[in-house]
Amino acid sequence: MLVRARYPAHEGRYEGDAHLRLALSLGDAERLTYRCGDTRIDGPWRAGQIVVTPPGAPLESQCEAVTTLGLAIDPAMVGGGRSLDATEGLGLVEDELLSSVMRALWCEADVHGASTAFFQHGAALVVRRLGELQGSSIATIAQSRLPRARLNLVLDWIENHLDGDITVGDMAARAGREVSGFARAFKTDMGCTPYTYLTRRRMARAQALLRAGESVARTACACGYANPAQFSLAFRRLLGASPTVWRARS
């Protein structure tokens, strides 16, 4: 069975059935929280990423509005005694082959229905590919994310040191990762680079201080900028106006 639909924001518990279920995101969702057995997902759900739910597995999820292409595979369809046990624990995957097969199956089902030999072959290919990912790519994807506790530690540290000279290396050290691996994981979890996140948080503090009547010079210092000119340039780049003009408009 294939379903393409736009779902509103939702939250709830869903009982599993005998089908293997895949949900391909066709558009970014700000955040997906998903729990199925020992599998946990908590972060952005990007276009092209696929949530894999094994047969018989109840789940709890909370998600922003998103358009998905859903595929439900009956184990009897793939035949050949192929086991679906390898799909347990996959969670969130990003694989071009899987995405392409699901899209091709959608086109086929739209024209000829979901009972053709082509559809059955495609379903078997999906199951085989998931089995391959279980032992290789999925491990890499899992390692690329930061544990929630480590991520929160980094975010809290950033918030408490916005007036200091923060580097990506400093952030990586708090997360216990090397710099390049941390930067990739941070972008996966937060949807932006560490530097972009830091700049946004500094500008949020700057806006609050300016609204409260603080001078541009003191605001620049409180937000970690060496001088007002450097601060004003960053502020204008992000908010489209100088601090003085922005405050007058607010």
Protein backbone atom coordinates (compact mmCIF):
# COMPACT_ATOMS: atom_id res chain seq x y z
CA MET A 1 0.00 0.00 0.00
CA LEU A 2 1.22 3.49 -0.90
CA VAL A 3 -0.15 6.80 0.34
CA ARG A 4 1.03 10.31 -0.51
CA ALA A 5 -0.47 12.92 1.78
CA ARG A 6 0.03 16.19 3.60
CA TYR A 7 -0.36 15.65 7.34
CA PRO A 8 -1.02 18.42 9.86
CA ALA A 9 0.99 18.64 13.06
CA HIS A 10 0.14 15.62 15.18
CA GLU A 11 0.99 13.79 18.38
CA GLY A 12 -0.09 10.37 19.62
CA ARG A 13 0.45 6.66 20.08
CA TYR A 14 -0.12 4.27 17.21
CA GLU A 15 -0.51 0.50 17.43
CA GLY A 16 1.56 -1.59 15.08
CA ASP A 17 0.28 -4.18 12.62
CA ALA A 18 1.79 -6.88 10.43
CA HIS A 19 3.21 -4.43 7.86
CA LEU A 20 6.65 -2.95 7.52
CA ARG A 21 6.11 0.79 7.19
CA LEU A 22 8.30 3.44 5.59
CA ALA A 23 7.54 7.17 5.56
CA LEU A 24 9.56 9.28 3.13
CA SER A 25 9.55 12.99 3.94
CA LEU A 26 8.84 15.10 0.86
CA GLY A 27 9.38 18.39 2.68
CA ASP A 28 11.28 19.50 5.77
CA ALA A 29 9.61 19.24 9.18
CA GLU A 30 11.04 21.39 11.96
CA ARG A 31 11.06 18.51 14.42
CA LEU A 32 10.11 14.86 14.70
CA THR A 33 9.99 13.05 18.02
CA TYR A 34 9.61 9.30 17.54
CA ARG A 35 9.83 6.34 19.90
CA CYS A 36 9.50 2.74 18.79
CA GLY A 37 10.94 0.10 21.10
CA ASP A 38 14.56 1.09 21.75
CA THR A 39 14.65 3.40 18.73
CA ARG A 40 14.54 7.14 19.41
CA ILE A 41 14.42 10.05 16.95
CA ASP A 42 14.43 13.65 18.12
CA GLY A 43 15.33 16.34 15.62
CA PRO A 44 14.53 17.78 12.19
CA TRP A 45 12.97 15.45 9.60
CA ARG A 46 14.55 16.52 6.32
CA ALA A 47 13.22 15.93 2.82
CA GLY A 48 14.56 12.60 1.55
CA GLN A 49 14.85 11.02 5.00
CA ILE A 50 12.81 7.88 5.71
CA VAL A 51 11.33 6.72 9.00
CA VAL A 52 11.30 2.91 9.19
CA THR A 53 8.81 1.18 11.52
CA PRO A 54 9.10 -2.63 11.76
CA PRO A 55 6.06 -4.94 11.73
CA GLY A 56 4.08 -5.28 14.95
CA ALA A 57 5.78 -2.33 16.63
CA PRO A 58 3.65 0.25 18.47
CA LEU A 59 5.09 3.74 18.38
CA GLU A 60 4.73 7.21 19.84
CA SER A 61 5.39 10.23 17.70
CA GLN A 62 5.05 13.99 17.58
CA CYS A 63 5.69 15.85 14.36
CA GLU A 64 5.20 19.21 12.71
CA ALA A 65 3.10 19.39 9.53
CA VAL A 66 4.79 17.45 6.73
CA THR A 67 4.09 15.83 3.35
CA THR A 68 5.11 12.17 3.17
CA LEU A 69 5.08 9.21 0.84
CA GLY A 70 4.13 6.18 2.92
CA LEU A 71 4.79 2.57 1.97
CA ALA A 72 3.34 -0.42 3.86
CA ILE A 73 4.80 -3.81 2.91
CA ASP A 74 3.04 -7.09 3.72
CA PRO A 75 5.73 -9.69 4.60
CA ALA A 76 3.87 -12.19 2.42
CA MET A 77 4.43 -9.94 -0.60
CA VAL A 78 8.22 -10.20 -0.58
CA GLY A 79 8.12 -13.98 -0.31
CA GLY A 80 11.17 -16.19 -0.50
CA GLY A 81 11.22 -16.58 3.27
CA ARG A 82 12.82 -13.15 3.54
CA SER A 83 12.87 -11.98 7.18
CA LEU A 84 11.98 -8.44 8.21
CA ASP A 85 13.88 -8.73 11.50
CA ALA A 86 16.74 -6.64 10.07
CA THR A 87 14.44 -3.62 9.92
CA GLU A 88 14.26 -3.35 13.71
CA GLY A 89 16.19 -0.45 15.14
CA LEU A 90 16.75 1.36 11.85
CA GLY A 91 14.76 4.45 12.82
CA LEU A 92 15.69 7.30 10.47
CA VAL A 93 17.60 6.56 7.26
CA GLU A 94 18.69 8.65 4.30
CA ASP A 95 19.38 6.56 1.23
CA GLU A 96 19.06 7.59 -2.41
CA LEU A 97 18.26 4.07 -3.59
CA LEU A 98 15.38 3.67 -1.15
CA SER A 99 13.98 7.09 -2.01
CA SER A 100 14.18 6.36 -5.75
CA VAL A 101 12.48 2.98 -5.42
CA MET A 102 9.65 4.43 -3.32
CA ARG A 103 9.06 7.19 -5.86
CA ALA A 104 9.11 4.69 -8.72
CA LEU A 105 6.62 2.47 -6.87
CA TRP A 106 4.35 5.47 -6.41
CA CYS A 107 4.39 6.19 -10.14
CA GLU A 108 3.72 2.52 -10.92
CA ALA A 109 0.88 2.21 -8.40
CA ASP A 110 -0.69 5.43 -9.65
CA VAL A 111 -1.00 3.93 -13.11
CA HIS A 112 -1.32 0.16 -12.61
CA GLY A 113 -2.14 -0.34 -8.91
CA ALA A 114 -0.09 -2.03 -6.22
CA SER A 115 -0.45 -5.64 -7.30
CA THR A 116 1.87 -5.84 -10.28
CA ALA A 117 5.05 -7.90 -10.50
CA PHE A 118 6.97 -4.62 -10.72
CA PHE A 119 5.51 -3.49 -7.40
CA GLN A 120 6.34 -6.82 -5.74
CA HIS A 121 9.87 -6.68 -7.06
CA GLY A 122 10.24 -3.12 -5.77
CA ALA A 123 8.99 -4.12 -2.32
CA ALA A 124 11.51 -6.97 -2.19
CA LEU A 125 14.26 -4.54 -3.22
CA VAL A 126 13.28 -2.17 -0.39
CA VAL A 127 13.47 -4.97 2.18
CA ARG A 128 16.83 -6.18 0.84
CA ARG A 129 18.25 -2.65 0.91
CA LEU A 130 17.10 -2.12 4.49
CA GLY A 131 18.93 -5.30 5.44
CA GLU A 132 22.11 -3.94 3.86
CA LEU A 133 21.79 -0.64 5.71
CA GLN A 134 21.34 -2.38 9.04
CA GLY A 135 24.97 -3.38 9.10
CA SER A 136 26.65 -0.37 7.55
CA SER A 137 25.17 2.99 6.63
CA ILE A 138 22.71 3.13 9.50
CA ALA A 139 25.53 2.89 12.04
CA THR A 140 27.17 5.88 10.45
CA ILE A 141 23.96 7.87 10.49
CA ALA A 142 23.33 7.03 14.13
CA GLN A 143 26.84 8.10 15.12
CA SER A 144 26.42 11.40 13.27
CA ARG A 145 23.82 12.60 15.76
CA LEU A 146 24.54 14.01 19.20
CA PRO A 147 22.91 12.41 22.24
CA ARG A 148 20.20 14.77 23.49
CA ALA A 149 21.94 15.28 26.85
CA ARG A 150 25.22 16.26 25.12
CA LEU A 151 23.40 18.58 22.72
CA ASN A 152 21.57 20.29 25.58
CA LEU A 153 24.88 20.69 27.42
CA VAL A 154 26.39 22.45 24.41
CA LEU A 155 23.33 24.67 23.89
CA ASP A 156 23.27 25.70 27.55
CA TRP A 157 27.00 26.43 27.48
CA ILE A 158 26.59 28.62 24.39
CA GLU A 159 23.73 30.52 26.02
CA ASN A 160 25.83 31.21 29.11
CA HIS A 161 28.88 32.39 27.15
CA LEU A 162 27.41 34.59 24.41
CA ASP A 163 29.59 37.45 25.62
CA GLY A 164 32.77 35.44 25.15
CA ASP A 165 35.00 34.38 22.28
CA ILE A 166 33.29 31.07 21.37
CA THR A 167 34.77 28.79 18.72
CA VAL A 168 33.39 25.62 17.14
CA GLY A 169 36.31 23.85 18.79
CA ASP A 170 35.03 24.98 22.19
CA MET A 171 31.58 23.58 21.39
CA ALA A 172 33.03 20.30 20.11
CA ALA A 173 35.05 19.89 23.30
CA ARG A 174 31.88 20.16 25.41
CA ALA A 175 30.24 17.50 23.24
CA GLY A 176 33.25 15.18 23.38
CA ARG A 177 33.66 15.15 19.59
CA GLU A 178 36.32 16.22 17.13
CA VAL A 179 35.49 19.45 15.31
CA SER A 180 34.40 18.17 11.88
CA GLY A 181 32.30 15.34 13.31
CA PHE A 182 30.69 17.70 15.80
CA ALA A 183 29.85 20.25 13.10
CA ARG A 184 28.14 17.57 10.97
CA ALA A 185 26.20 16.19 13.94
CA PHE A 186 25.17 19.66 15.10
CA LYS A 187 23.81 20.54 11.66
CA THR A 188 21.90 17.25 11.55
CA ASP A 189 20.34 17.91 14.94
CA MET A 190 19.73 21.66 14.71
CA GLY A 191 19.33 22.25 10.98
CA CYS A 192 22.13 24.83 10.81
CA THR A 193 25.88 25.07 11.38
CA PRO A 194 27.26 25.80 14.86
CA TYR A 195 28.43 29.24 13.73
CA THR A 196 25.00 30.12 12.32
CA TYR A 197 23.32 29.00 15.53
CA LEU A 198 25.75 31.06 17.63
CA THR A 199 25.11 34.16 15.52
CA ARG A 200 21.34 33.74 15.79
CA ARG A 201 21.53 33.41 19.58
CA ARG A 202 23.76 36.47 19.83
CA MET A 203 21.35 38.49 17.72
CA ALA A 204 18.40 37.32 19.85
CA ARG A 205 20.22 38.60 22.94
CA ALA A 206 21.11 41.82 21.13
CA GLN A 207 17.47 42.45 20.25
CA ALA A 208 16.43 41.99 23.87
CA LEU A 209 19.12 44.36 25.12
CA LEU A 210 18.34 47.02 22.52
CA ARG A 211 14.64 46.87 23.35
CA ALA A 212 15.56 47.38 27.01
CA GLY A 213 17.41 50.59 26.09
CA GLU A 214 21.00 49.33 26.23
CA SER A 215 23.53 51.22 24.11
CA VAL A 216 24.88 49.70 20.90
CA ALA A 217 28.41 49.61 22.35
CA ARG A 218 27.35 47.76 25.51
CA THR A 219 25.13 45.43 23.52
CA ALA A 220 28.03 44.56 21.22
CA CYS A 221 30.20 43.71 24.23
CA ALA A 222 27.46 41.62 25.86
CA CYS A 223 27.07 39.62 22.65
CA GLY A 224 30.73 38.75 22.19
CA TYR A 225 31.75 41.31 19.56
CA ALA A 226 35.09 43.05 19.78
CA ASN A 227 33.72 46.41 18.66
CA PRO A 228 30.40 48.08 17.74
CA ALA A 229 31.26 48.24 14.04
CA GLN A 230 31.73 44.47 13.81
CA PHE A 231 28.52 43.94 15.76
CA SER A 232 26.53 46.37 13.60
CA LEU A 233 27.69 44.63 10.43
CA ALA A 234 26.57 41.21 11.73
CA PHE A 235 23.29 42.65 12.99
CA ARG A 236 22.49 44.30 9.65
CA ARG A 237 23.39 41.15 7.74
CA LEU A 238 20.94 39.04 9.75
CA LEU A 239 18.13 41.52 10.48
CA GLY A 240 18.32 43.86 7.51
CA ALA A 241 18.91 47.09 9.45
CA SER A 242 21.52 48.63 11.73
CA PRO A 243 20.96 48.27 15.51
CA THR A 244 19.99 51.95 15.79
CA VAL A 245 17.50 51.80 12.92
CA TRP A 246 16.09 48.49 14.11
CA ARG A 247 15.49 49.84 17.61
CA ALA A 248 13.74 52.92 16.23
CA ARG A 249 11.39 50.68 14.26
CA SER A 250 10.68 48.28 17.12
